Structure formats: structure tokens, C-alpha cells
Amino acid sequence: MKKYLPIGSVVQLKNGNRKIMIINRFPLFRKESEIGYFDYSACLYPNGSVDNQAFFFNQEDIDRVWFEGYFDESEEQYQKIMEGERDKIDYPHFSLPDVIE
């Protein structure tokens, strides 16, 4: 089973120079007329969400995990549900090269 980082985890992306905090998993992203999804979206850390700015990325884009968010039995159950449901998502799984021009 692929383990997803919990909400509240603080990471740094490859080629990134700022820490960001995960606020969503499997968020939808619109590129022109196409809608797809990423593994995560995040906000700047420690600033939080400013002007609804979000950063979208996937597990493979993470260079360093600074802090792993809260993990309990509920999160463990949710991880199992996500693993089973991920393959049922009807949208394409975007990668950063798909959306960066």
C-alpha cells in the first residue's frame, strides 16, 4: 500500500526553496479545459493559505519531509480507503510537467 502523508505534513519540493504544508489529498486541478488531479495541494508554511493560493504536486515531487502530520486510527482507515478508491478516480492524474509551461 502506498502511504500518503497526512494533512498538516510540512514538506519541501524538489528544486523548491520554501516549506509548504499539505492541506488536501487528491485535489482537482483545472488546466485550460481539462480537469485532473494531483496527490496533494499545500499552502506556504508558516504563512498558511493566503488569497486562496495553493501548490499542487505528487508524492514523487517531494524532496524532504520536515514534519509528518497527525496519524491515528482514523487516518490509518482513511489511508486504506484512499488506496482502494484511487484507481476509481475518473480524472487523469496530472504531473507537474503536465501543467508547467
PDB file of N, CA and C in Angstrom:
ATOM      1  N   MET A   1       0.835  -1.181   0.000  1.00  0.00           N
ATOM      2  CA  MET A   1       0.000   0.000   0.000  1.00  0.00           C
ATOM      3  C   MET A   1       0.882   1.248   0.000  1.00  0.00           C
ATOM      4  N   LYS A   2       0.583   2.189  -0.888  1.00  0.00           N
ATOM      5  CA  LYS A   2       1.298   3.458  -0.936  1.00  0.00           C
ATOM      6  C   LYS A   2       0.822   4.313   0.229  1.00  0.00           C
ATOM      7  N   LYS A   3       1.738   4.833   1.004  1.00  0.00           N
ATOM      8  CA  LYS A   3       1.368   5.661   2.148  1.00  0.00           C
ATOM      9  C   LYS A   3       1.353   7.121   1.725  1.00  0.00           C
ATOM     10  N   TYR A   4       0.244   7.777   1.974  1.00  0.00           N
ATOM     11  CA  TYR A   4       0.120   9.204   1.703  1.00  0.00           C
ATOM     12  C   TYR A   4       0.396   9.973   2.988  1.00  0.00           C
ATOM     13  N   LEU A   5       1.000  11.120   2.849  1.00  0.00           N
ATOM     14  CA  LEU A   5       1.279  11.940   4.019  1.00  0.00           C
ATOM     15  C   LEU A   5      -0.018  12.525   4.569  1.00  0.00           C
ATOM     16  N   PRO A   6      -0.138  12.594   5.883  1.00  0.00           N
ATOM     17  CA  PRO A   6      -1.340  13.165   6.489  1.00  0.00           C
ATOM     18  C   PRO A   6      -1.435  14.677   6.268  1.00  0.00           C
ATOM     19  N   ILE A   7      -2.660  15.185   6.382  1.00  0.00           N
ATOM     20  CA  ILE A   7      -2.888  16.623   6.378  1.00  0.00           C
ATOM     21  C   ILE A   7      -2.022  17.235   7.484  1.00  0.00           C
ATOM     22  N   GLY A   8      -1.455  18.391   7.207  1.00  0.00           N
ATOM     23  CA  GLY A   8      -0.605  19.059   8.194  1.00  0.00           C
ATOM     24  C   GLY A   8       0.867  18.740   8.053  1.00  0.00           C
ATOM     25  N   SER A   9       1.207  17.782   7.179  1.00  0.00           N
ATOM     26  CA  SER A   9       2.621  17.466   6.958  1.00  0.00           C
ATOM     27  C   SER A   9       3.300  18.649   6.273  1.00  0.00           C
ATOM     28  N   VAL A  10       4.540  18.903   6.656  1.00  0.00           N
ATOM     29  CA  VAL A  10       5.309  20.004   6.085  1.00  0.00           C
ATOM     30  C   VAL A  10       6.428  19.402   5.243  1.00  0.00           C
ATOM     31  N   VAL A  11       6.486  19.810   3.969  1.00  0.00           N
ATOM     32  CA  VAL A  11       7.441  19.233   3.022  1.00  0.00           C
ATOM     33  C   VAL A  11       8.149  20.341   2.249  1.00  0.00           C
ATOM     34  N   GLN A  12       9.202  19.935   1.556  1.00  0.00           N
ATOM     35  CA  GLN A  12       9.880  20.802   0.600  1.00  0.00           C
ATOM     36  C   GLN A  12       9.961  20.030  -0.704  1.00  0.00           C
ATOM     37  N   LEU A  13       9.625  20.691  -1.801  1.00  0.00           N
ATOM     38  CA  LEU A  13       9.628  20.029  -3.099  1.00  0.00           C
ATOM     39  C   LEU A  13      11.013  20.062  -3.728  1.00  0.00           C
ATOM     40  N   LYS A  14      11.247  19.147  -4.651  1.00  0.00           N
ATOM     41  CA  LYS A  14      12.485  19.156  -5.421  1.00  0.00           C
ATOM     42  C   LYS A  14      12.590  20.507  -6.121  1.00  0.00           C
ATOM     43  N   ASN A  15      13.752  21.078  -6.138  1.00  0.00           N
ATOM     44  CA  ASN A  15      14.008  22.400  -6.715  1.00  0.00           C
ATOM     45  C   ASN A  15      13.228  23.504  -6.011  1.00  0.00           C
ATOM     46  N   GLY A  16      12.662  23.212  -4.850  1.00  0.00           N
ATOM     47  CA  GLY A  16      11.922  24.220  -4.093  1.00  0.00           C
ATOM     48  C   GLY A  16      12.785  24.822  -3.002  1.00  0.00           C
ATOM     49  N   ASN A  17      12.457  26.048  -2.619  1.00  0.00           N
ATOM     50  CA  ASN A  17      13.226  26.702  -1.564  1.00  0.00           C
ATOM     51  C   ASN A  17      12.353  27.124  -0.387  1.00  0.00           C
ATOM     52  N   ARG A  18      11.079  26.715  -0.387  1.00  0.00           N
ATOM     53  CA  ARG A  18      10.156  27.060   0.691  1.00  0.00           C
ATOM     54  C   ARG A  18       9.523  25.798   1.250  1.00  0.00           C
ATOM     55  N   LYS A  19       9.178  25.855   2.519  1.00  0.00           N
ATOM     56  CA  LYS A  19       8.411  24.773   3.133  1.00  0.00           C
ATOM     57  C   LYS A  19       6.935  25.012   2.832  1.00  0.00           C
ATOM     58  N   ILE A  20       6.225  23.914   2.563  1.00  0.00           N
ATOM     59  CA  ILE A  20       4.788  24.000   2.333  1.00  0.00           C
ATOM     60  C   ILE A  20       4.088  22.948   3.189  1.00  0.00           C
ATOM     61  N   MET A  21       2.826  23.235   3.546  1.00  0.00           N
ATOM     62  CA  MET A  21       2.067  22.339   4.415  1.00  0.00           C
ATOM     63  C   MET A  21       0.887  21.748   3.646  1.00  0.00           C
ATOM     64  N   ILE A  22       0.777  20.435   3.679  1.00  0.00           N
ATOM     65  CA  ILE A  22      -0.281  19.729   2.959  1.00  0.00           C
ATOM     66  C   ILE A  22      -1.636  20.051   3.576  1.00  0.00           C
ATOM     67  N   ILE A  23      -2.578  20.466   2.707  1.00  0.00           N
ATOM     68  CA  ILE A  23      -3.926  20.796   3.159  1.00  0.00           C
ATOM     69  C   ILE A  23      -5.002  19.942   2.487  1.00  0.00           C
ATOM     70  N   ASN A  24      -4.663  19.240   1.405  1.00  0.00           N
ATOM     71  CA  ASN A  24      -5.624  18.376   0.705  1.00  0.00           C
ATOM     72  C   ASN A  24      -4.911  17.186   0.086  1.00  0.00           C
ATOM     73  N   ARG A  25      -5.675  16.122  -0.084  1.00  0.00           N
ATOM     74  CA  ARG A  25      -5.192  14.971  -0.841  1.00  0.00           C
ATOM     75  C   ARG A  25      -6.157  14.724  -1.987  1.00  0.00           C
ATOM     76  N   PHE A  26      -5.610  14.410  -3.136  1.00  0.00           N
ATOM     77  CA  PHE A  26      -6.348  14.196  -4.389  1.00  0.00           C
ATOM     78  C   PHE A  26      -7.165  15.423  -4.802  1.00  0.00           C
ATOM     79  N   PRO A  27      -6.582  16.626  -4.725  1.00  0.00           N
ATOM     80  CA  PRO A  27      -7.327  17.812  -5.147  1.00  0.00           C
ATOM     81  C   PRO A  27      -7.455  17.865  -6.666  1.00  0.00           C
ATOM     82  N   LEU A  28      -8.579  18.395  -7.121  1.00  0.00           N
ATOM     83  CA  LEU A  28      -8.778  18.591  -8.551  1.00  0.00           C
ATOM     84  C   LEU A  28      -8.054  19.855  -8.988  1.00  0.00           C
ATOM     85  N   PHE A  29      -7.576  19.830 -10.245  1.00  0.00           N
ATOM     86  CA  PHE A  29      -6.834  20.948 -10.819  1.00  0.00           C
ATOM     87  C   PHE A  29      -7.323  21.139 -12.246  1.00  0.00           C
ATOM     88  N   ARG A  30      -7.619  22.389 -12.605  1.00  0.00           N
ATOM     89  CA  ARG A  30      -8.063  22.686 -13.974  1.00  0.00           C
ATOM     90  C   ARG A  30      -6.921  23.322 -14.749  1.00  0.00           C
ATOM     91  N   LYS A  31      -6.622  22.713 -15.906  1.00  0.00           N
ATOM     92  CA  LYS A  31      -5.663  23.301 -16.846  1.00  0.00           C
ATOM     93  C   LYS A  31      -6.416  23.535 -18.139  1.00  0.00           C
ATOM     94  N   GLU A  32      -6.678  24.796 -18.394  1.00  0.00           N
ATOM     95  CA  GLU A  32      -7.489  25.184 -19.540  1.00  0.00           C
ATOM     96  C   GLU A  32      -8.833  24.470 -19.454  1.00  0.00           C
ATOM     97  N   SER A  33      -9.156  23.604 -20.402  1.00  0.00           N
ATOM     98  CA  SER A  33     -10.470  22.945 -20.372  1.00  0.00           C
ATOM     99  C   SER A  33     -10.414  21.548 -19.762  1.00  0.00           C
ATOM    100  N   GLU A  34      -9.244  21.116 -19.335  1.00  0.00           N
ATOM    101  CA  GLU A  34      -9.100  19.762 -18.788  1.00  0.00           C
ATOM    102  C   GLU A  34      -9.003  19.803 -17.263  1.00  0.00           C
ATOM    103  N   ILE A  35      -9.690  18.872 -16.628  1.00  0.00           N
ATOM    104  CA  ILE A  35      -9.631  18.737 -15.176  1.00  0.00           C
ATOM    105  C   ILE A  35      -8.923  17.432 -14.849  1.00  0.00           C
ATOM    106  N   GLY A  36      -7.970  17.498 -13.942  1.00  0.00           N
ATOM    107  CA  GLY A  36      -7.250  16.322 -13.474  1.00  0.00           C
ATOM    108  C   GLY A  36      -7.012  16.470 -11.985  1.00  0.00           C
ATOM    109  N   TYR A  37      -6.183  15.617 -11.445  1.00  0.00           N
ATOM    110  CA  TYR A  37      -5.908  15.694 -10.013  1.00  0.00           C
ATOM    111  C   TYR A  37      -4.438  15.425  -9.728  1.00  0.00           C
ATOM    112  N   PHE A  38      -4.014  15.882  -8.568  1.00  0.00           N
ATOM    113  CA  PHE A  38      -2.684  15.623  -8.033  1.00  0.00           C
ATOM    114  C   PHE A  38      -2.833  14.830  -6.744  1.00  0.00           C
ATOM    115  N   ASP A  39      -1.725  14.344  -6.214  1.00  0.00           N
ATOM    116  CA  ASP A  39      -1.765  13.656  -4.920  1.00  0.00           C
ATOM    117  C   ASP A  39      -2.079  14.630  -3.787  1.00  0.00           C
ATOM    118  N   TYR A  40      -1.556  15.857  -3.889  1.00  0.00           N
ATOM    119  CA  TYR A  40      -1.662  16.812  -2.786  1.00  0.00           C
ATOM    120  C   TYR A  40      -1.850  18.237  -3.289  1.00  0.00           C
ATOM    121  N   SER A  41      -2.377  19.068  -2.389  1.00  0.00           N
ATOM    122  CA  SER A  41      -2.217  20.517  -2.521  1.00  0.00           C
ATOM    123  C   SER A  41      -1.738  21.030  -1.169  1.00  0.00           C
ATOM    124  N   ALA A  42      -1.079  22.184  -1.201  1.00  0.00           N
ATOM    125  CA  ALA A  42      -0.457  22.704   0.014  1.00  0.00           C
ATOM    126  C   ALA A  42      -0.481  24.222   0.006  1.00  0.00           C
ATOM    127  N   CYS A  43      -0.226  24.786   1.173  1.00  0.00           N
ATOM    128  CA  CYS A  43      -0.067  26.227   1.325  1.00  0.00           C
ATOM    129  C   CYS A  43       1.334  26.493   1.877  1.00  0.00           C
ATOM    130  N   LEU A  44       1.765  27.738   1.786  1.00  0.00           N
ATOM    131  CA  LEU A  44       3.074  28.092   2.325  1.00  0.00           C
ATOM    132  C   LEU A  44       3.094  27.888   3.831  1.00  0.00           C
ATOM    133  N   TYR A  45       4.228  27.444   4.332  1.00  0.00           N
ATOM    134  CA  TYR A  45       4.420  27.302   5.768  1.00  0.00           C
ATOM    135  C   TYR A  45       5.485  28.304   6.189  1.00  0.00           C
ATOM    136  N   PRO A  46       5.288  29.088   7.192  1.00  0.00           N
ATOM    137  CA  PRO A  46       4.227  29.069   8.196  1.00  0.00           C
ATOM    138  C   PRO A  46       3.064  30.002   7.896  1.00  0.00           C
ATOM    139  N   ASN A  47       3.054  30.630   6.714  1.00  0.00           N
ATOM    140  CA  ASN A  47       2.044  31.633   6.384  1.00  0.00           C
ATOM    141  C   ASN A  47       0.616  31.099   6.405  1.00  0.00           C
ATOM    142  N   GLY A  48       0.415  29.887   5.907  1.00  0.00           N
ATOM    143  CA  GLY A  48      -0.932  29.363   5.740  1.00  0.00           C
ATOM    144  C   GLY A  48      -1.496  29.783   4.394  1.00  0.00           C
ATOM    145  N   SER A  49      -2.778  29.594   4.212  1.00  0.00           N
ATOM    146  CA  SER A  49      -3.450  29.899   2.954  1.00  0.00           C
ATOM    147  C   SER A  49      -3.649  31.408   2.831  1.00  0.00           C
ATOM    148  N   VAL A  50      -3.063  31.995   1.794  1.00  0.00           N
ATOM    149  CA  VAL A  50      -3.175  33.423   1.537  1.00  0.00           C
ATOM    150  C   VAL A  50      -3.765  33.607   0.147  1.00  0.00           C
ATOM    151  N   ASP A  51      -4.860  34.347   0.060  1.00  0.00           N
ATOM    152  CA  ASP A  51      -5.518  34.623  -1.224  1.00  0.00           C
ATOM    153  C   ASP A  51      -5.838  33.351  -1.996  1.00  0.00           C
ATOM    154  N   ASN A  52      -6.185  32.294  -1.291  1.00  0.00           N
ATOM    155  CA  ASN A  52      -6.533  31.003  -1.902  1.00  0.00           C
ATOM    156  C   ASN A  52      -5.421  30.433  -2.777  1.00  0.00           C
ATOM    157  N   GLN A  53      -4.187  30.829  -2.538  1.00  0.00           N
ATOM    158  CA  GLN A  53      -3.052  30.294  -3.292  1.00  0.00           C
ATOM    159  C   GLN A  53      -2.769  28.872  -2.820  1.00  0.00           C
ATOM    160  N   ALA A  54      -2.623  27.962  -3.771  1.00  0.00           N
ATOM    161  CA  ALA A  54      -2.324  26.568  -3.432  1.00  0.00           C
ATOM    162  C   ALA A  54      -1.243  26.047  -4.370  1.00  0.00           C
ATOM    163  N   PHE A  55      -0.475  25.103  -3.867  1.00  0.00           N
ATOM    164  CA  PHE A  55       0.570  24.442  -4.635  1.00  0.00           C
ATOM    165  C   PHE A  55       0.146  22.995  -4.828  1.00  0.00           C
ATOM    166  N   PHE A  56       0.163  22.520  -6.063  1.00  0.00           N
ATOM    167  CA  PHE A  56      -0.265  21.165  -6.392  1.00  0.00           C
ATOM    168  C   PHE A  56       0.959  20.332  -6.748  1.00  0.00           C
ATOM    169  N   PHE A  57       1.004  19.091  -6.266  1.00  0.00           N
ATOM    170  CA  PHE A  57       2.170  18.247  -6.513  1.00  0.00           C
ATOM    171  C   PHE A  57       1.836  16.802  -6.185  1.00  0.00           C
ATOM    172  N   ASN A  58       2.767  15.920  -6.531  1.00  0.00           N
ATOM    173  CA  ASN A  58       2.617  14.485  -6.283  1.00  0.00           C
ATOM    174  C   ASN A  58       3.711  13.991  -5.341  1.00  0.00           C
ATOM    175  N   GLN A  59       3.537  12.782  -4.892  1.00  0.00           N
ATOM    176  CA  GLN A  59       4.482  12.165  -3.953  1.00  0.00           C
ATOM    177  C   GLN A  59       5.917  12.236  -4.486  1.00  0.00           C
ATOM    178  N   GLU A  60       6.085  11.969  -5.771  1.00  0.00           N
ATOM    179  CA  GLU A  60       7.442  11.921  -6.328  1.00  0.00           C
ATOM    180  C   GLU A  60       8.104  13.298  -6.419  1.00  0.00           C
ATOM    181  N   ASP A  61       7.338  14.372  -6.235  1.00  0.00           N
ATOM    182  CA  ASP A  61       7.893  15.725  -6.282  1.00  0.00           C
ATOM    183  C   ASP A  61       8.489  16.162  -4.947  1.00  0.00           C
ATOM    184  N   ILE A  62       8.250  15.379  -3.900  1.00  0.00           N
ATOM    185  CA  ILE A  62       8.716  15.742  -2.560  1.00  0.00           C
ATOM    186  C   ILE A  62      10.196  15.399  -2.412  1.00  0.00           C
ATOM    187  N   ASP A  63      10.967  16.399  -1.987  1.00  0.00           N
ATOM    188  CA  ASP A  63      12.391  16.195  -1.738  1.00  0.00           C
ATOM    189  C   ASP A  63      12.651  15.865  -0.273  1.00  0.00           C
ATOM    190  N   ARG A  64      11.934  16.551   0.614  1.00  0.00           N
ATOM    191  CA  ARG A  64      12.186  16.363   2.047  1.00  0.00           C
ATOM    192  C   ARG A  64      10.891  16.522   2.842  1.00  0.00           C
ATOM    193  N   VAL A  65      10.707  15.652   3.811  1.00  0.00           N
ATOM    194  CA  VAL A  65       9.587  15.769   4.745  1.00  0.00           C
ATOM    195  C   VAL A  65      10.146  16.362   6.034  1.00  0.00           C
ATOM    196  N   TRP A  66       9.713  17.577   6.359  1.00  0.00           N
ATOM    197  CA  TRP A  66      10.171  18.250   7.571  1.00  0.00           C
ATOM    198  C   TRP A  66       9.361  17.811   8.787  1.00  0.00           C
ATOM    199  N   PHE A  67       8.075  17.547   8.568  1.00  0.00           N
ATOM    200  CA  PHE A  67       7.190  17.169   9.668  1.00  0.00           C
ATOM    201  C   PHE A  67       6.059  16.327   9.098  1.00  0.00           C
ATOM    202  N   GLU A  68       5.766  15.211   9.739  1.00  0.00           N
ATOM    203  CA  GLU A  68       4.651  14.370   9.305  1.00  0.00           C
ATOM    204  C   GLU A  68       3.452  14.662  10.190  1.00  0.00           C
ATOM    205  N   GLY A  69       2.317  14.953   9.547  1.00  0.00           N
ATOM    206  CA  GLY A  69       1.098  15.316  10.265  1.00  0.00           C
ATOM    207  C   GLY A  69       0.559  14.202  11.152  1.00  0.00           C
ATOM    208  N   TYR A  70      -0.492  14.519  11.871  1.00  0.00           N
ATOM    209  CA  TYR A  70      -1.092  13.628  12.856  1.00  0.00           C
ATOM    210  C   TYR A  70      -1.592  12.344  12.201  1.00  0.00           C
ATOM    211  N   PHE A  71      -1.253  11.224  12.809  1.00  0.00           N
ATOM    212  CA  PHE A  71      -1.629   9.907  12.281  1.00  0.00           C
ATOM    213  C   PHE A  71      -2.201   9.090  13.433  1.00  0.00           C
ATOM    214  N   ASP A  72      -3.478   8.721  13.315  1.00  0.00           N
ATOM    215  CA  ASP A  72      -4.120   7.877  14.320  1.00  0.00           C
ATOM    216  C   ASP A  72      -4.920   6.787  13.609  1.00  0.00           C
ATOM    217  N   GLU A  73      -5.803   6.112  14.325  1.00  0.00           N
ATOM    218  CA  GLU A  73      -6.580   5.022  13.724  1.00  0.00           C
ATOM    219  C   GLU A  73      -7.469   5.525  12.590  1.00  0.00           C
ATOM    220  N   SER A  74      -8.028   6.720  12.750  1.00  0.00           N
ATOM    221  CA  SER A  74      -8.881   7.289  11.697  1.00  0.00           C
ATOM    222  C   SER A  74      -8.083   7.524  10.422  1.00  0.00           C
ATOM    223  N   GLU A  75      -6.881   8.052  10.575  1.00  0.00           N
ATOM    224  CA  GLU A  75      -6.020   8.285   9.413  1.00  0.00           C
ATOM    225  C   GLU A  75      -5.635   6.964   8.765  1.00  0.00           C
ATOM    226  N   GLU A  76      -5.344   5.966   9.568  1.00  0.00           N
ATOM    227  CA  GLU A  76      -4.990   4.652   9.031  1.00  0.00           C
ATOM    228  C   GLU A  76      -6.144   4.078   8.212  1.00  0.00           C
ATOM    229  N   GLN A  77      -7.363   4.196   8.715  1.00  0.00           N
ATOM    230  CA  GLN A  77      -8.536   3.722   7.975  1.00  0.00           C
ATOM    231  C   GLN A  77      -8.716   4.519   6.690  1.00  0.00           C
ATOM    232  N   TYR A  78      -8.531   5.839   6.786  1.00  0.00           N
ATOM    233  CA  TYR A  78      -8.673   6.686   5.615  1.00  0.00           C
ATOM    234  C   TYR A  78      -7.633   6.334   4.552  1.00  0.00           C
ATOM    235  N   GLN A  79      -6.414   6.027   4.972  1.00  0.00           N
ATOM    236  CA  GLN A  79      -5.364   5.614   4.032  1.00  0.00           C
ATOM    237  C   GLN A  79      -5.801   4.369   3.254  1.00  0.00           C
ATOM    238  N   LYS A  80      -6.400   3.407   3.948  1.00  0.00           N
ATOM    239  CA  LYS A  80      -6.871   2.182   3.291  1.00  0.00           C
ATOM    240  C   LYS A  80      -7.976   2.487   2.296  1.00  0.00           C
ATOM    241  N   ILE A  81      -8.888   3.371   2.672  1.00  0.00           N
ATOM    242  CA  ILE A  81      -9.973   3.760   1.766  1.00  0.00           C
ATOM    243  C   ILE A  81      -9.401   4.456   0.538  1.00  0.00           C
ATOM    244  N   MET A  82      -8.475   5.391   0.739  1.00  0.00           N
ATOM    245  CA  MET A  82      -7.869   6.113  -0.387  1.00  0.00           C
ATOM    246  C   MET A  82      -7.192   5.158  -1.357  1.00  0.00           C
ATOM    247  N   GLU A  83      -6.497   4.181  -0.822  1.00  0.00           N
ATOM    248  CA  GLU A  83      -5.786   3.233  -1.687  1.00  0.00           C
ATOM    249  C   GLU A  83      -6.765   2.477  -2.576  1.00  0.00           C
ATOM    250  N   GLY A  84      -7.892   2.080  -2.012  1.00  0.00           N
ATOM    251  CA  GLY A  84      -8.886   1.354  -2.790  1.00  0.00           C
ATOM    252  C   GLY A  84      -9.642   2.223  -3.775  1.00  0.00           C
ATOM    253  N   GLU A  85      -9.848   3.477  -3.430  1.00  0.00           N
ATOM    254  CA  GLU A  85     -10.639   4.378  -4.267  1.00  0.00           C
ATOM    255  C   GLU A  85      -9.811   5.112  -5.319  1.00  0.00           C
ATOM    256  N   ARG A  86      -8.520   5.217  -5.113  1.00  0.00           N
ATOM    257  CA  ARG A  86      -7.666   5.994  -6.024  1.00  0.00           C
ATOM    258  C   ARG A  86      -7.789   5.535  -7.471  1.00  0.00           C
ATOM    259  N   ASP A  87      -7.831   4.239  -7.687  1.00  0.00           N
ATOM    260  CA  ASP A  87      -7.903   3.719  -9.053  1.00  0.00           C
ATOM    261  C   ASP A  87      -9.267   3.940  -9.693  1.00  0.00           C
ATOM    262  N   LYS A  88     -10.244   4.368  -8.912  1.00  0.00           N
ATOM    263  CA  LYS A  88     -11.588   4.617  -9.433  1.00  0.00           C
ATOM    264  C   LYS A  88     -11.801   6.079  -9.825  1.00  0.00           C
ATOM    265  N   ILE A  89     -10.805   6.914  -9.620  1.00  0.00           N
ATOM    266  CA  ILE A  89     -10.941   8.334  -9.969  1.00  0.00           C
ATOM    267  C   ILE A  89     -11.018   8.456 -11.484  1.00  0.00           C
ATOM    268  N   ASP A  90     -12.050   9.156 -11.958  1.00  0.00           N
ATOM    269  CA  ASP A  90     -12.291   9.272 -13.397  1.00  0.00           C
ATOM    270  C   ASP A  90     -11.443  10.345 -14.077  1.00  0.00           C
ATOM    271  N   TYR A  91     -10.749  11.140 -13.314  1.00  0.00           N
ATOM    272  CA  TYR A  91      -9.942  12.214 -13.877  1.00  0.00           C
ATOM    273  C   TYR A  91      -8.509  11.737 -14.106  1.00  0.00           C
ATOM    274  N   PRO A  92      -7.797  12.351 -15.060  1.00  0.00           N
ATOM    275  CA  PRO A  92      -6.391  11.982 -15.250  1.00  0.00           C
ATOM    276  C   PRO A  92      -5.540  12.444 -14.069  1.00  0.00           C
ATOM    277  N   HIS A  93      -4.494  11.682 -13.788  1.00  0.00           N
ATOM    278  CA  HIS A  93      -3.549  12.030 -12.722  1.00  0.00           C
ATOM    279  C   HIS A  93      -2.485  12.917 -13.341  1.00  0.00           C
ATOM    280  N   PHE A  94      -2.531  14.200 -13.037  1.00  0.00           N
ATOM    281  CA  PHE A  94      -1.575  15.154 -13.584  1.00  0.00           C
ATOM    282  C   PHE A  94      -0.216  15.011 -12.904  1.00  0.00           C
ATOM    283  N   SER A  95       0.811  15.444 -13.618  1.00  0.00           N
ATOM    284  CA  SER A  95       2.143  15.594 -13.041  1.00  0.00           C
ATOM    285  C   SER A  95       2.561  17.040 -13.277  1.00  0.00           C
ATOM    286  N   LEU A  96       3.564  17.501 -12.567  1.00  0.00           N
ATOM    287  CA  LEU A  96       3.984  18.892 -12.726  1.00  0.00           C
ATOM    288  C   LEU A  96       4.339  19.249 -14.169  1.00  0.00           C
ATOM    289  N   PRO A  97       5.066  18.390 -14.914  1.00  0.00           N
ATOM    290  CA  PRO A  97       5.343  18.741 -16.311  1.00  0.00           C
ATOM    291  C   PRO A  97       4.074  18.904 -17.157  1.00  0.00           C
ATOM    292  N   ASP A  98       2.971  18.267 -16.747  1.00  0.00           N
ATOM    293  CA  ASP A  98       1.713  18.407 -17.485  1.00  0.00           C
ATOM    294  C   ASP A  98       1.160  19.825 -17.408  1.00  0.00           C
ATOM    295  N   VAL A  99       1.432  20.512 -16.326  1.00  0.00           N
ATOM    296  CA  VAL A  99       0.777  21.803 -16.100  1.00  0.00           C
ATOM    297  C   VAL A  99       1.728  22.995 -16.101  1.00  0.00           C
ATOM    298  N   ILE A 100       3.038  22.746 -16.045  1.00  0.00           N
ATOM    299  CA  ILE A 100       4.005  23.852 -16.056  1.00  0.00           C
ATOM    300  C   ILE A 100       4.400  24.133 -17.495  1.00  0.00           C
ATOM    301  N   GLU A 101       4.283  25.382 -17.858  1.00  0.00           N
ATOM    302  CA  GLU A 101       4.639  25.756 -19.239  1.00  0.00           C
ATOM    303  C   GLU A 101       5.893  26.574 -19.271  1.00  0.00           C
TER     304      GLU A 101
END
